[in-house]
Protein backbone atom coordinates (compact mmCIF):
# COMPACT_ATOMS: atom_id res chain seq x y z
CA MET A 1 -0.46 5.67 23.07
CA ILE A 2 -2.82 4.29 26.47
CA GLU A 3 -5.13 6.64 28.01
CA ILE A 4 -7.34 5.48 30.47
CA LYS A 5 -10.93 6.79 31.02
CA SER A 6 -13.01 5.36 33.96
CA ARG A 7 -13.18 1.50 32.76
CA ASN A 8 -12.14 2.28 28.95
CA MET A 9 -8.72 1.73 27.87
CA VAL A 10 -8.22 3.64 24.46
CA LEU A 11 -5.35 2.27 22.41
CA GLN A 12 -4.27 4.16 19.54
CA GLY A 13 -2.76 2.20 16.22
CA ILE A 14 -3.16 2.18 12.49
CA GLY A 15 -6.28 2.10 10.72
CA ALA A 16 -5.46 -0.56 8.25
CA SER A 17 -9.46 -1.23 6.63
CA PRO A 18 -12.30 0.42 7.64
CA GLY A 19 -15.29 -0.58 9.60
CA ILE A 20 -16.23 -1.07 13.31
CA ALA A 21 -16.48 -4.39 15.32
CA ILE A 22 -17.67 -5.07 18.61
CA GLY A 23 -17.09 -8.46 20.40
CA LYS A 24 -15.00 -10.57 22.50
CA ALA A 25 -11.28 -10.63 22.64
CA HIS A 26 -9.41 -13.81 21.03
CA LEU A 27 -6.18 -13.84 22.30
CA ILE A 28 -3.25 -15.61 20.31
CA GLU A 29 -0.58 -16.61 22.29
CA GLU A 30 3.21 -16.60 20.86
CA GLU A 31 4.35 -20.11 20.38
CA GLY A 32 7.69 -20.88 18.84
CA GLY A 33 8.96 -18.18 16.20
CA ILE A 34 11.03 -15.25 16.28
CA SER A 35 10.21 -13.97 20.00
CA LEU A 36 11.35 -17.31 21.46
CA THR A 37 14.48 -18.29 19.16
CA GLY A 38 17.41 -19.06 21.03
CA LYS A 39 21.27 -19.35 20.17
CA TYR A 40 23.22 -22.16 20.98
CA PHE A 41 26.95 -23.51 19.11
CA ILE A 42 27.14 -26.65 17.71
CA GLU A 43 29.68 -28.79 17.02
CA GLU A 44 31.69 -28.93 13.51
CA ASP A 45 30.25 -32.76 12.75
CA GLN A 46 26.84 -31.03 13.43
CA ILE A 47 27.10 -28.46 10.53
CA PRO A 48 25.73 -31.09 8.13
CA SER A 49 22.89 -32.28 10.24
CA GLU A 50 22.11 -28.70 11.04
CA ILE A 51 21.76 -27.52 7.78
CA THR A 52 19.44 -30.55 6.57
CA ARG A 53 17.29 -29.33 9.82
CA LEU A 54 16.77 -26.04 7.96
CA LYS A 55 16.43 -27.65 3.94
CA ASN A 56 13.52 -29.55 5.41
CA ALA A 57 12.15 -26.56 7.67
CA VAL A 58 11.92 -24.60 4.14
CA GLN A 59 10.22 -27.70 2.45
CA GLN A 60 7.67 -28.09 5.34
CA THR A 61 7.03 -24.35 5.20
CA LYS A 62 6.30 -24.13 1.44
CA GLU A 63 4.51 -27.20 1.29
CA GLY A 64 2.14 -25.82 4.08
CA LEU A 65 1.67 -22.53 2.09
CA LEU A 66 1.02 -24.62 -1.19
CA GLN A 67 -1.69 -26.21 0.79
CA ILE A 68 -3.18 -22.69 2.04
CA ILE A 69 -3.56 -22.00 -1.72
CA ARG A 70 -5.14 -25.22 -2.83
CA ASP A 71 -7.09 -24.68 -0.24
CA LEU A 72 -8.76 -21.35 -0.89
CA PRO A 73 -12.23 -20.94 -1.46
CA GLU A 74 -13.01 -19.77 -5.13
CA GLU A 75 -13.89 -16.13 -3.90
CA LEU A 76 -10.34 -15.85 -2.38
CA GLN A 77 -8.40 -17.07 -5.33
CA ASP A 78 -7.78 -13.34 -6.52
CA HIS A 79 -5.36 -13.11 -3.24
CA ALA A 80 -3.52 -16.06 -3.77
CA TYR A 81 -0.77 -14.13 -5.58
CA ILE A 82 0.07 -12.62 -2.01
CA LEU A 83 1.01 -16.13 -0.93
CA GLU A 84 2.84 -16.52 -3.57
CA THR A 85 5.22 -13.81 -3.09
CA HIS A 86 6.07 -15.76 0.25
CA LEU A 87 6.95 -18.78 -1.56
CA MET A 88 9.27 -16.84 -3.84
CA LEU A 89 10.92 -15.65 -0.37
CA LEU A 90 11.37 -19.03 0.41
CA GLN A 91 13.22 -19.69 -2.84
CA ASP A 92 15.72 -16.51 -1.83
CA LYS A 93 19.00 -17.86 -2.44
CA LYS A 94 20.28 -15.25 -0.68
CA LEU A 95 18.39 -15.72 2.49
CA TYR A 96 18.74 -19.71 2.19
CA GLU A 97 22.83 -19.31 1.50
CA GLN A 98 23.57 -16.51 3.96
CA THR A 99 21.71 -19.00 6.49
CA VAL A 100 23.50 -22.07 5.81
CA LYS A 101 26.83 -19.91 5.57
CA TYR A 102 26.52 -18.37 9.59
CA ILE A 103 26.03 -22.07 10.32
CA GLU A 104 29.43 -23.04 8.59
CA GLU A 105 31.50 -20.17 9.95
CA LYS A 106 29.95 -19.42 13.16
CA GLN A 107 28.61 -23.09 13.91
CA ILE A 108 25.70 -21.70 15.51
CA ASN A 109 21.87 -23.35 15.32
CA ALA A 110 19.85 -23.00 12.24
CA GLU A 111 17.28 -20.79 14.43
CA TRP A 112 19.55 -18.12 15.16
CA ALA A 113 21.76 -18.25 11.65
CA LEU A 114 18.17 -17.91 10.24
CA LYS A 115 17.42 -15.13 12.30
CA ALA A 116 20.52 -13.21 11.62
CA SER A 117 20.39 -13.25 7.82
CA MET A 118 16.45 -12.29 8.28
CA ASP A 119 17.73 -9.26 10.17
CA GLU A 120 20.21 -8.33 7.62
CA ILE A 121 17.58 -8.56 4.69
CA ARG A 122 15.23 -6.48 6.88
CA LYS A 123 17.66 -3.80 7.32
CA VAL A 124 17.78 -3.19 3.44
CA PHE A 125 14.37 -3.03 2.99
CA LYS A 126 14.20 -0.33 6.32
CA LYS A 127 16.75 2.06 4.43
CA MET A 128 13.98 2.43 1.92
CA SER A 129 12.55 6.14 1.24
CA ASP A 130 9.03 4.73 0.25
CA PRO A 131 6.87 3.73 3.32
CA TYR A 132 5.39 0.86 1.20
CA PHE A 133 8.59 -0.97 0.41
CA ARG A 134 10.01 -0.77 3.98
CA GLU A 135 6.84 -2.49 4.78
CA ARG A 136 7.97 -5.33 3.24
CA ALA A 137 9.97 -6.03 5.48
CA SER A 138 7.24 -7.80 7.20
CA ASP A 139 7.41 -10.34 4.40
CA ILE A 140 10.48 -11.64 4.96
CA VAL A 141 9.81 -11.73 9.13
CA GLN A 142 6.25 -13.45 8.38
CA VAL A 143 8.17 -15.97 6.29
CA CYS A 144 11.17 -16.37 8.46
CA ASP A 145 8.55 -16.66 11.37
CA ARG A 146 7.20 -19.60 9.51
CA ILE A 147 10.44 -21.28 9.03
CA LEU A 148 11.19 -20.83 12.48
CA LYS A 149 8.32 -22.13 14.18
CA ALA A 150 8.64 -25.25 11.40
CA LEU A 151 12.29 -25.96 12.82
CA THR A 152 11.03 -25.81 16.66
CA GLY A 153 8.06 -28.08 15.92
CA THR A 154 5.50 -25.31 17.19
CA GLU A 155 2.39 -24.51 14.75
CA ALA A 156 1.16 -21.74 13.15
CA PRO A 157 -1.98 -20.07 14.68
CA ARG A 158 -5.19 -22.30 13.49
CA ILE A 159 -7.27 -19.26 12.05
CA SER A 160 -9.71 -21.22 10.19
CA GLU A 161 -10.46 -23.17 13.58
CA ILE A 162 -12.18 -20.34 15.81
CA GLU A 163 -15.59 -21.36 16.64
CA LYS A 164 -17.28 -18.05 17.40
CA GLY A 165 -17.43 -14.34 16.61
CA VAL A 166 -14.52 -12.54 17.99
CA ILE A 167 -12.13 -9.93 17.27
CA ILE A 168 -8.54 -11.67 17.03
CA VAL A 169 -5.86 -10.37 19.24
CA ALA A 170 -2.06 -11.01 18.07
CA ARG A 171 1.65 -9.63 18.06
CA ASP A 172 1.29 -10.23 14.26
CA LEU A 173 -0.56 -12.05 11.48
CA SER A 174 0.98 -13.09 8.24
CA PRO A 175 -1.14 -13.03 4.86
CA ALA A 176 -1.38 -16.80 5.29
CA GLU A 177 -3.01 -16.51 8.73
CA THR A 178 -5.30 -13.72 7.39
CA ILE A 179 -6.33 -15.42 4.34
CA GLN A 180 -7.93 -18.01 6.65
CA ILE A 181 -10.06 -15.88 8.24
CA GLN A 182 -13.74 -16.72 8.00
CA LEU A 183 -16.17 -13.90 8.04
CA GLU A 184 -18.69 -15.56 10.01
CA LYS A 185 -16.46 -16.34 12.61
CA VAL A 186 -14.13 -13.61 13.10
CA LYS A 187 -15.79 -9.76 13.14
CA GLY A 188 -11.72 -8.27 12.89
CA PHE A 189 -8.03 -8.16 14.18
CA ILE A 190 -5.80 -6.27 15.82
CA THR A 191 -2.03 -6.79 16.06
CA ASP A 192 0.93 -5.34 17.84
CA LEU A 193 2.92 -5.20 14.15
CA GLY A 194 1.96 -4.14 10.82
CA GLY A 195 1.34 -1.13 8.61
CA LYS A 196 -1.19 0.28 6.32
CA THR A 197 0.67 -0.94 3.45
CA SER A 198 1.47 -4.47 4.34
CA HIS A 199 0.29 -7.40 2.75
CA THR A 200 -1.93 -8.25 5.56
CA ALA A 201 -3.58 -4.84 5.79
CA ILE A 202 -3.84 -5.46 1.62
CA ILE A 203 -5.91 -8.42 2.45
CA ALA A 204 -7.74 -7.29 5.37
CA ARG A 205 -9.02 -4.49 2.97
CA SER A 206 -9.97 -6.75 0.13
CA LEU A 207 -11.86 -8.81 2.62
CA GLU A 208 -13.44 -5.63 3.69
CA ILE A 209 -12.60 -6.87 7.61
CA PRO A 210 -12.10 -4.35 10.01
CA ALA A 211 -8.16 -4.01 10.97
CA VAL A 212 -6.09 -1.65 13.22
CA LEU A 213 -2.60 -2.67 13.35
CA GLY A 214 0.83 -1.74 15.03
CA LEU A 215 -0.61 -1.09 18.36
CA GLU A 216 3.04 -2.35 19.79
CA ASN A 217 1.24 -3.38 23.08
CA ALA A 218 -2.44 -4.94 22.70
CA THR A 219 -1.21 -8.71 23.42
CA SER A 220 0.10 -7.18 26.57
CA LEU A 221 -3.08 -5.30 28.02
CA VAL A 222 -5.79 -7.73 26.38
CA ARG A 223 -6.87 -10.53 27.71
CA THR A 224 -9.02 -13.49 25.89
CA ASP A 225 -12.98 -12.67 26.51
CA ASP A 226 -12.30 -9.04 27.30
CA THR A 227 -14.94 -6.71 25.15
CA ILE A 228 -13.51 -4.51 22.89
CA ILE A 229 -14.18 -1.74 20.30
CA MET A 230 -12.38 -1.15 17.45
CA ASP A 231 -12.47 1.10 14.80
CA GLY A 232 -10.49 0.31 11.82
CA ALA A 233 -11.04 3.73 10.01
CA ALA A 234 -9.52 5.91 13.10
CA GLY A 235 -7.24 3.07 14.21
CA VAL A 236 -8.75 3.24 17.74
CA VAL A 237 -9.50 0.17 20.40
CA ILE A 238 -11.36 0.53 23.29
CA VAL A 239 -10.65 -2.05 26.25
CA ASP A 240 -13.45 -2.64 28.66
CA PRO A 241 -15.97 -0.26 27.46
CA THR A 242 -18.83 1.50 29.43
CA GLU A 243 -22.17 1.19 28.35
CA ASP A 244 -22.73 4.43 27.03
CA VAL A 245 -19.28 3.99 25.11
CA LEU A 246 -20.83 0.47 23.79
CA THR A 247 -24.21 1.74 22.73
CA LYS A 248 -22.43 5.12 20.98
CA TYR A 249 -20.31 2.41 18.58
CA GLN A 250 -23.21 0.36 18.33
CA LYS A 251 -24.84 3.12 16.47
CA ARG A 252 -21.88 4.15 14.86
CA LYS A 253 -21.49 0.39 13.17
CA HIS A 254 -25.12 0.73 11.90
CA ARG A 255 -24.77 3.71 10.53
CA TYR A 256 -21.68 3.04 8.76
CA GLU A 257 -22.85 -0.55 7.67
CA GLU A 258 -26.25 1.36 5.90
CA TYR A 259 -23.75 3.93 4.38
CA ARG A 260 -21.31 1.10 3.00
CA ALA A 261 -24.51 -1.19 1.32
CA MET A 262 -25.69 1.94 -0.14
CA VAL A 263 -22.19 3.17 -1.61
CA ALA A 264 -21.25 -0.27 -2.86
CA GLN A 265 -25.04 -0.47 -4.87
CA SER A 266 -24.24 2.26 -7.12
CA SER A 267 -20.11 1.80 -7.57
CA HIS A 268 -20.48 0.84 -11.07
CA LEU A 269 -22.37 4.32 -12.08
CA PRO A 270 -20.03 6.74 -13.49
CA ALA A 271 -18.83 9.48 -11.19
CA GLU A 272 -20.42 12.39 -12.62
CA THR A 273 -21.09 15.26 -11.36
CA LEU A 274 -24.66 17.20 -10.84
CA ASP A 275 -23.44 19.32 -13.81
CA GLY A 276 -22.23 17.03 -15.76
CA HIS A 277 -18.66 16.47 -15.33
CA ARG A 278 -17.55 12.90 -15.29
CA ILE A 279 -13.83 12.46 -13.74
CA LYS A 280 -12.27 8.99 -14.21
CA VAL A 281 -12.26 7.12 -10.44
CA MET A 282 -9.14 4.74 -10.80
CA ALA A 283 -6.89 2.33 -8.79
CA ASN A 284 -3.47 1.73 -7.14
CA ILE A 285 -2.66 -1.42 -7.54
CA GLU A 286 1.08 -3.97 -7.01
CA PHE A 287 -0.09 -7.29 -8.17
CA VAL A 288 -2.18 -8.59 -11.91
CA GLY A 289 -4.41 -10.23 -8.85
CA GLU A 290 -5.66 -7.29 -7.54
CA VAL A 291 -7.59 -6.43 -11.09
CA ALA A 292 -10.62 -8.00 -10.10
CA SER A 293 -11.27 -5.90 -7.01
CA VAL A 294 -10.55 -2.89 -8.96
CA ILE A 295 -13.18 -4.08 -11.45
CA ASP A 296 -15.46 -5.28 -8.61
CA HIS A 297 -15.43 -1.70 -7.15
CA GLY A 298 -16.68 0.29 -10.05
CA GLY A 299 -12.46 1.46 -11.17
CA ASP A 300 -12.41 3.14 -14.61
CA GLY A 301 -8.85 2.01 -14.82
CA ILE A 302 -5.40 1.40 -13.11
CA GLY A 303 -4.43 4.93 -12.16
CA LEU A 304 -0.59 3.57 -10.77
CA PHE A 305 0.72 0.08 -11.39
CA ARG A 306 3.37 -0.27 -9.15
CA THR A 307 6.57 -2.41 -10.74
CA GLU A 308 9.30 -2.80 -8.10
CA PHE A 309 7.82 -6.59 -6.75
CA HIS A 310 9.78 -8.18 -9.42
CA TYR A 311 13.44 -6.47 -8.48
CA LEU A 312 13.08 -6.59 -4.42
CA ASN A 313 15.69 -9.01 -2.79
CA LYS A 314 15.66 -11.14 -5.90
CA GLU A 315 18.65 -13.35 -6.54
CA GLU A 316 18.54 -11.86 -10.45
CA LEU A 317 17.17 -8.84 -12.21
CA PRO A 318 13.85 -9.77 -14.51
CA SER A 319 14.07 -11.03 -17.70
CA GLU A 320 12.16 -8.42 -20.33
CA GLU A 321 9.95 -11.51 -20.86
CA GLU A 322 8.98 -11.76 -17.24
CA LEU A 323 7.78 -8.34 -16.64
CA PHE A 324 6.02 -8.07 -20.56
CA ASP A 325 3.99 -11.41 -19.44
CA THR A 326 2.99 -9.10 -16.26
CA TYR A 327 1.98 -5.84 -18.07
CA LYS A 328 0.21 -7.81 -20.73
CA ASP A 329 -1.93 -9.93 -18.48
CA ILE A 330 -3.03 -6.28 -16.97
CA ALA A 331 -3.53 -4.65 -19.96
CA GLU A 332 -5.31 -7.32 -21.26
CA ILE A 333 -7.64 -7.84 -18.69
CA MET A 334 -8.16 -3.74 -18.09
CA ALA A 335 -8.59 -3.00 -21.90
CA PRO A 336 -10.06 -0.84 -22.89
CA ARG A 337 -9.42 1.11 -19.53
CA PRO A 338 -6.57 2.72 -19.50
CA VAL A 339 -3.23 1.08 -17.44
CA THR A 340 -0.59 3.30 -16.09
CA ILE A 341 2.31 1.57 -15.43
CA ARG A 342 4.76 3.52 -13.08
CA THR A 343 8.65 3.22 -14.08
CA LEU A 344 10.99 1.76 -10.98
CA ASP A 345 10.31 3.58 -8.28
CA ILE A 346 12.96 1.99 -5.63
CA GLY A 347 15.45 3.74 -3.65
CA GLY A 348 19.31 3.32 -4.27
CA ASP A 349 19.47 0.02 -1.82
CA LYS A 350 20.87 -2.98 -2.91
CA PHE A 351 17.60 -4.80 -3.83
CA SER A 352 18.73 -7.31 -6.27
CA THR A 353 22.28 -8.88 -6.23
CA GLY A 354 22.27 -7.91 -10.11
CA VAL A 355 23.13 -4.48 -8.56
CA GLU A 356 25.56 -2.90 -6.27
CA LEU A 357 25.22 0.16 -5.24
CA SER A 358 27.15 2.40 -2.14
CA GLU A 359 25.13 2.53 1.01
CA GLU A 360 23.31 5.83 1.31
CA ILE A 361 23.00 7.89 4.69
CA ASN A 362 19.89 9.56 3.21
CA PRO A 363 17.99 7.09 0.72
CA ALA A 364 14.65 9.44 0.40
CA LEU A 365 17.45 12.08 -0.96
CA GLY A 366 19.42 10.13 -3.15
CA LEU A 367 19.76 7.85 -5.66
CA ARG A 368 16.21 6.67 -6.18
CA ALA A 369 13.10 6.68 -8.99
CA ILE A 370 14.00 8.06 -12.25
CA ARG A 371 17.31 8.87 -10.97
CA PHE A 372 18.18 5.15 -10.62
CA SER A 373 16.84 4.39 -13.88
CA LEU A 374 18.84 6.99 -15.85
CA SER A 375 21.77 6.02 -13.98
CA SER A 376 21.03 2.29 -14.88
CA PRO A 377 19.93 2.61 -18.72
CA GLU A 378 20.21 -1.14 -19.48
CA ILE A 379 17.86 -2.44 -16.53
CA PHE A 380 15.64 1.04 -17.92
CA LYS A 381 15.33 0.07 -21.10
CA THR A 382 14.42 -3.66 -20.44
CA GLN A 383 11.53 -2.29 -18.54
CA LEU A 384 10.39 0.13 -21.32
CA ARG A 385 10.74 -2.81 -23.83
CA ALA A 386 8.52 -4.58 -21.77
CA ILE A 387 5.95 -1.82 -21.54
CA LEU A 388 6.05 -0.80 -24.82
CA ARG A 389 4.91 -4.71 -25.89
CA ALA A 390 2.27 -4.46 -23.79
CA ALA A 391 0.83 -1.42 -25.07
CA ASN A 392 -0.07 -3.46 -28.36
CA PHE A 393 -2.33 -5.81 -25.88
CA GLY A 394 -4.31 -2.43 -24.38
CA ASN A 395 -4.56 1.29 -23.52
CA VAL A 396 -1.21 1.42 -21.57
CA ARG A 397 0.49 4.36 -20.54
CA VAL A 398 3.87 4.91 -19.39
CA MET A 399 4.70 7.26 -16.03
CA PHE A 400 8.12 8.38 -14.77
CA PRO A 401 8.60 8.79 -10.68
CA MET A 402 10.13 12.04 -8.84
CA ILE A 403 11.42 14.10 -11.55
CA SER A 404 12.93 17.32 -10.34
CA GLU A 405 13.95 18.77 -13.35
CA ILE A 406 13.18 18.73 -17.21
CA ASP A 407 16.47 17.33 -18.23
CA GLU A 408 15.61 13.98 -16.72
CA ILE A 409 11.90 14.02 -18.95
CA ILE A 410 14.33 14.79 -21.83
CA LYS A 411 16.51 12.01 -20.70
CA ALA A 412 13.86 9.64 -20.08
CA LYS A 413 11.91 10.18 -23.60
CA GLN A 414 15.31 9.82 -25.62
CA ILE A 415 15.74 6.18 -23.89
CA LEU A 416 11.92 5.82 -24.88
CA ARG A 417 12.75 6.70 -28.39
CA GLU A 418 15.81 4.21 -28.43
CA VAL A 419 14.10 1.52 -27.34
CA CYS A 420 11.20 1.90 -30.06
CA GLU A 421 14.26 2.03 -32.36
CA SER A 422 15.48 -1.50 -31.20
CA LEU A 423 12.01 -3.08 -31.31
CA ASP A 424 11.06 -1.81 -34.65
CA ARG A 425 15.00 -3.20 -35.88
CA GLU A 426 14.16 -6.50 -34.29
CA GLY A 427 10.66 -6.70 -35.74
CA LEU A 428 8.73 -7.01 -32.13
CA PRO A 429 5.30 -5.61 -32.56
CA PHE A 430 5.11 -2.66 -30.05
CA LYS A 431 3.12 0.71 -29.36
CA GLU A 432 5.20 3.69 -30.63
CA ASP A 433 2.82 6.37 -29.68
CA ILE A 434 2.60 5.58 -26.21
CA GLU A 435 1.60 8.51 -23.85
CA VAL A 436 4.22 9.40 -21.25
CA GLY A 437 3.20 11.14 -18.23
CA ILE A 438 5.15 12.36 -14.53
CA MET A 439 4.79 11.94 -10.76
CA ILE A 440 4.83 15.33 -9.36
CA GLU A 441 6.19 14.23 -5.94
CA VAL A 442 8.62 17.21 -5.46
CA PRO A 443 8.55 20.86 -4.78
CA SER A 444 10.88 21.66 -8.01
CA ALA A 445 8.25 19.55 -10.02
CA VAL A 446 5.73 22.29 -8.59
CA ILE A 447 7.27 25.16 -9.51
CA MET A 448 8.61 24.23 -12.60
CA ALA A 449 5.05 22.61 -13.39
CA ASP A 450 4.31 24.98 -16.42
CA VAL A 451 7.52 24.39 -18.32
CA ILE A 452 7.60 20.41 -17.70
CA ALA A 453 3.49 20.63 -18.90
CA LYS A 454 5.11 20.63 -22.51
CA GLU A 455 7.35 17.76 -21.91
CA VAL A 456 4.46 15.32 -21.73
CA ASP A 457 1.33 13.82 -21.99
CA PHE A 458 -0.04 14.23 -18.20
CA PHE A 459 0.67 14.87 -15.05
CA SER A 460 -0.15 12.54 -12.13
CA ILE A 461 0.45 14.30 -8.68
CA GLY A 462 1.79 11.68 -5.62
CA THR A 463 0.54 13.35 -3.00
CA ASN A 464 2.25 11.21 -0.11
CA ASP A 465 5.69 12.12 -1.49
CA LEU A 466 4.79 15.72 -1.95
CA ILE A 467 3.32 16.06 1.13
CA GLN A 468 6.70 14.60 3.00
CA TYR A 469 8.97 16.43 1.11
CA SER A 470 7.08 19.93 1.63
CA LEU A 471 6.05 20.16 4.70
CA ALA A 472 9.61 18.16 6.03
CA ILE A 473 7.93 15.38 7.80
CA ASP A 474 8.57 11.69 7.87
CA ARG A 475 4.84 10.05 7.82
CA VAL A 476 6.04 7.00 9.47
CA ASN A 477 7.89 8.73 12.68
CA LYS A 478 5.33 8.60 15.08
CA ASP A 479 7.17 11.79 16.92
CA VAL A 480 6.19 13.79 13.76
CA ALA A 481 3.38 12.01 11.97
CA HIS A 482 0.66 14.35 13.14
CA LEU A 483 1.94 16.82 11.23
CA TYR A 484 1.77 14.83 8.16
CA GLN A 485 -1.23 16.85 6.92
CA PRO A 486 -2.70 16.75 3.28
CA LEU A 487 -5.17 19.89 4.08
CA HIS A 488 -1.98 21.95 4.99
CA PRO A 489 -2.99 25.35 2.93
CA ALA A 490 0.65 25.13 1.19
CA VAL A 491 0.00 21.41 -0.15
CA LEU A 492 -3.56 22.90 -1.37
CA ARG A 493 -1.54 25.87 -2.79
CA MET A 494 0.85 23.53 -4.69
CA VAL A 495 -1.73 21.16 -6.06
CA LYS A 496 -3.86 23.91 -7.55
CA HIS A 497 -0.79 25.28 -8.93
CA VAL A 498 0.13 21.94 -10.75
CA VAL A 499 -3.56 21.56 -12.04
CA ASP A 500 -3.57 25.14 -13.47
CA ALA A 501 -0.22 24.39 -15.34
CA ALA A 502 -1.69 21.46 -16.86
CA ARG A 503 -4.81 23.46 -17.71
CA ASN A 504 -2.81 26.00 -19.32
CA ALA A 505 -0.50 23.62 -21.47
CA GLY A 506 -3.84 21.26 -22.51
CA ILE A 507 -2.59 17.90 -20.63
CA ARG A 508 -4.53 15.80 -17.96
CA VAL A 509 -3.88 15.95 -14.80
CA GLY A 510 -4.74 13.25 -12.37
CA MET A 511 -3.70 12.34 -8.19
CA CYS A 512 -2.59 9.22 -7.27
CA GLY A 513 -1.64 9.48 -3.66
CA GLU A 514 -3.60 8.91 -0.55
CA MET A 515 -5.34 12.27 -0.56
CA ALA A 516 -7.42 10.97 -3.88
CA GLY A 517 -9.16 8.28 -1.92
CA GLU A 518 -10.61 10.47 1.00
CA PRO A 519 -14.13 11.37 0.29
CA ALA A 520 -13.88 14.72 2.31
CA HIS A 521 -11.21 16.21 -0.07
CA VAL A 522 -13.45 15.16 -3.34
CA SER A 523 -15.01 18.81 -3.37
CA ILE A 524 -11.41 20.77 -3.10
CA LEU A 525 -10.32 18.00 -5.81
CA LEU A 526 -13.41 18.91 -8.02
CA GLY A 527 -12.69 22.39 -7.89
CA MET A 528 -9.23 22.44 -9.01
CA GLY A 529 -10.46 20.96 -11.65
CA LEU A 530 -8.14 17.30 -11.81
CA ASP A 531 -9.28 14.78 -14.31
CA GLU A 532 -8.43 11.68 -12.53
CA LEU A 533 -8.29 10.37 -8.99
CA SER A 534 -6.52 7.02 -8.30
CA MET A 535 -6.68 5.19 -4.90
CA ASN A 536 -6.77 1.57 -3.19
CA PRO A 537 -9.60 -0.10 -4.57
CA ILE A 538 -11.70 -0.24 -1.64
CA SER A 539 -11.95 3.74 -1.72
CA ILE A 540 -13.71 3.60 -5.30
CA PRO A 541 -17.11 3.09 -4.42
CA GLY A 542 -17.41 6.01 -1.62
CA VAL A 543 -15.16 8.53 -4.04
CA LYS A 544 -17.65 7.78 -6.84
CA LYS A 545 -20.76 8.38 -4.75
CA MET A 546 -19.09 11.90 -3.34
CA ILE A 547 -18.50 12.51 -7.05
CA ARG A 548 -22.14 12.49 -8.25
CA MET A 549 -23.58 14.64 -5.15
CA LEU A 550 -21.26 17.18 -6.38
CA SER A 551 -21.22 20.11 -8.58
CA VAL A 552 -17.87 21.77 -10.24
CA GLU A 553 -19.39 25.46 -10.27
CA LYS A 554 -19.98 24.91 -6.47
CA SER A 555 -16.85 23.10 -5.87
CA LYS A 556 -15.09 26.09 -6.88
CA LEU A 557 -16.98 28.32 -4.80
CA PHE A 558 -15.95 25.81 -1.85
CA LEU A 559 -12.38 25.94 -3.18
CA LYS A 560 -12.05 29.83 -2.81
CA GLU A 561 -13.28 29.50 0.75
CA VAL A 562 -10.24 26.92 1.20
CA LEU A 563 -7.77 29.13 -0.21
CA ASN A 564 -8.27 32.06 1.76
CA LYS A 565 -7.73 29.69 5.23
CA LYS A 566 -4.07 30.23 6.59
CA ARG A 567 -4.33 27.27 8.87
CA SER A 568 -4.74 23.60 8.28
CA ALA A 569 -7.38 23.76 11.64
CA GLU A 570 -9.27 26.07 9.58
CA VAL A 571 -9.23 24.19 6.63
CA VAL A 572 -10.73 20.75 8.13
CA ARG A 573 -13.07 22.73 10.17
CA ILE A 574 -14.81 24.17 6.88
CA VAL A 575 -14.62 20.60 5.49
CA GLU A 576 -16.22 18.41 8.41
CA GLU A 577 -18.96 21.38 8.90
CA ALA A 578 -19.76 20.98 4.91
CA TYR A 579 -20.16 17.40 4.49
CA LYS A 580 -22.03 16.94 7.66
CA LYS A 581 -24.53 18.92 6.04
CA LEU A 582 -24.28 16.55 2.89
CA PHE A 583 -24.29 13.58 5.27
CA PRO A 584 -26.07 13.53 8.25
CA ASP A 585 -26.26 9.74 8.73
CA ALA A 586 -23.01 8.98 7.37
CA ALA A 587 -20.67 7.38 9.73
CA TYR A 588 -17.91 8.16 8.11
CA PHE A 589 -17.77 11.60 9.32
CA GLU A 590 -17.64 10.85 12.72
CA HIS A 591 -14.95 8.24 12.77
CA GLY A 592 -13.59 7.82 9.17
CA TYR A 593 -12.39 11.57 8.82
CA ASN A 594 -9.57 10.93 11.18
CA ILE A 595 -8.03 14.62 11.29
CA ASN A 596 -7.09 16.09 14.90
CA HIS A 597 -8.36 19.81 15.31
CA GLU A 598 -5.75 20.25 18.01
CA ARG A 599 -3.14 19.78 15.71
């Protein structure tokens, strides 16, 4: 979206990493790669040499990534795991062999054959129902782009050689490029492509550098040395601002940095309310390498450990030992803090050559998550065996995703018992009395929460999917994304119903959707009686600080007022009014609480 206001050109993108940056633009021109890939035919006797070109380009790309990993300073070593995922994609036989096949059968150049293979694999990821996994398509594109640059003899942008404090403007930045950003030289970055759950965004948040992604056409509108303002929380970029706007954002930037510094100083204090109620504030992560960020930001544990990476776009299914080693590492590092391992939550797509599934018209409503696990018991049992064995090394809990009826829990628990029996017979050490929980993500689970609560040890409310399914809104569809509203009265009533059902059954209840990581929502969630909140690690300090400034009793009174409102805008209004009184100097409430009243 583009809006012209006198000198100001306002671009709206996706707020990927919070913070305000003001500076001169540094436009990275596109050289080689996907955008300039051309197609031409080759003679039959040229096929071997074309395949050799491809092989050499893949090897060159691999060596380049390995060199970047070797050159990482010690403080950035925790992020090497993301680059290692790109190395794994380079070794993907499907990508390589399909490209070779296209060269041989269609007699086309390696660049075009690779692009065709990339498009085929990308379609698989784009069909996945979860926006997080759809975003993994960007990893495929970025890896192929590096190979294409090697094929055409062009170089990736030398981010590390930027000489002055600028805001980078690019079509896209890969994790390999982002991780080379030197914070004393680069104030932030904006890109045409990318989303909030991309690995590039994850690195930006870890580095705590402002980032706005998905602007679509920033590179065609912004020129090098243009003055720009970027707001990484609201996803706003202002090109050529007036003096008044510049002054306004300079003040916001100063207040925001003061606020962040204040919050960071107290991040390791417990999240205890003024009237003595302690809440666990935990993290959602995907890789063992993210654990350091959880600890650094004062996390009380792992509320959601996603386990899908080992299965995505692999030639073979992961072995029990491979899974066990990963789960054991995270359990040992975090002990005695809890680690909640979610079993496979992946759509009914062909995610491994070891699994063939029929194509689905609507994967979001198809064979995914617990449905897939129950339909593929051997895959499910392998994962459960690894989890139970790892639980012997720490405080591990298992969580089943997308439960829609009680039979699914009963069947899953029966398979869990069978796995315990098999491990016992084999004499392998494991933890039999592991806590079992489920994610509440669909309306049927909300309605049946009182019945389901009797079968499990804890609930975790996954608001991302719950909001999407309940309001019939695809949050990555730009035409309806503005309707995706965590403070919708229907959503709040559903969350309260689930919490009440858990309370009546005497089990714990937490929340692991993005709603949990928004400090402005904390009073409402405290009033409802949630025991745990789980979020992106960078959000932990702000949420803990908010909890320490509130009381549960006053939050309950505030909740009553909220639940009396009939419209989302009314809820938003009273929440903003309450928080501006509590935090009059925090820039967060001017730019971080990004909800449009008119919507």
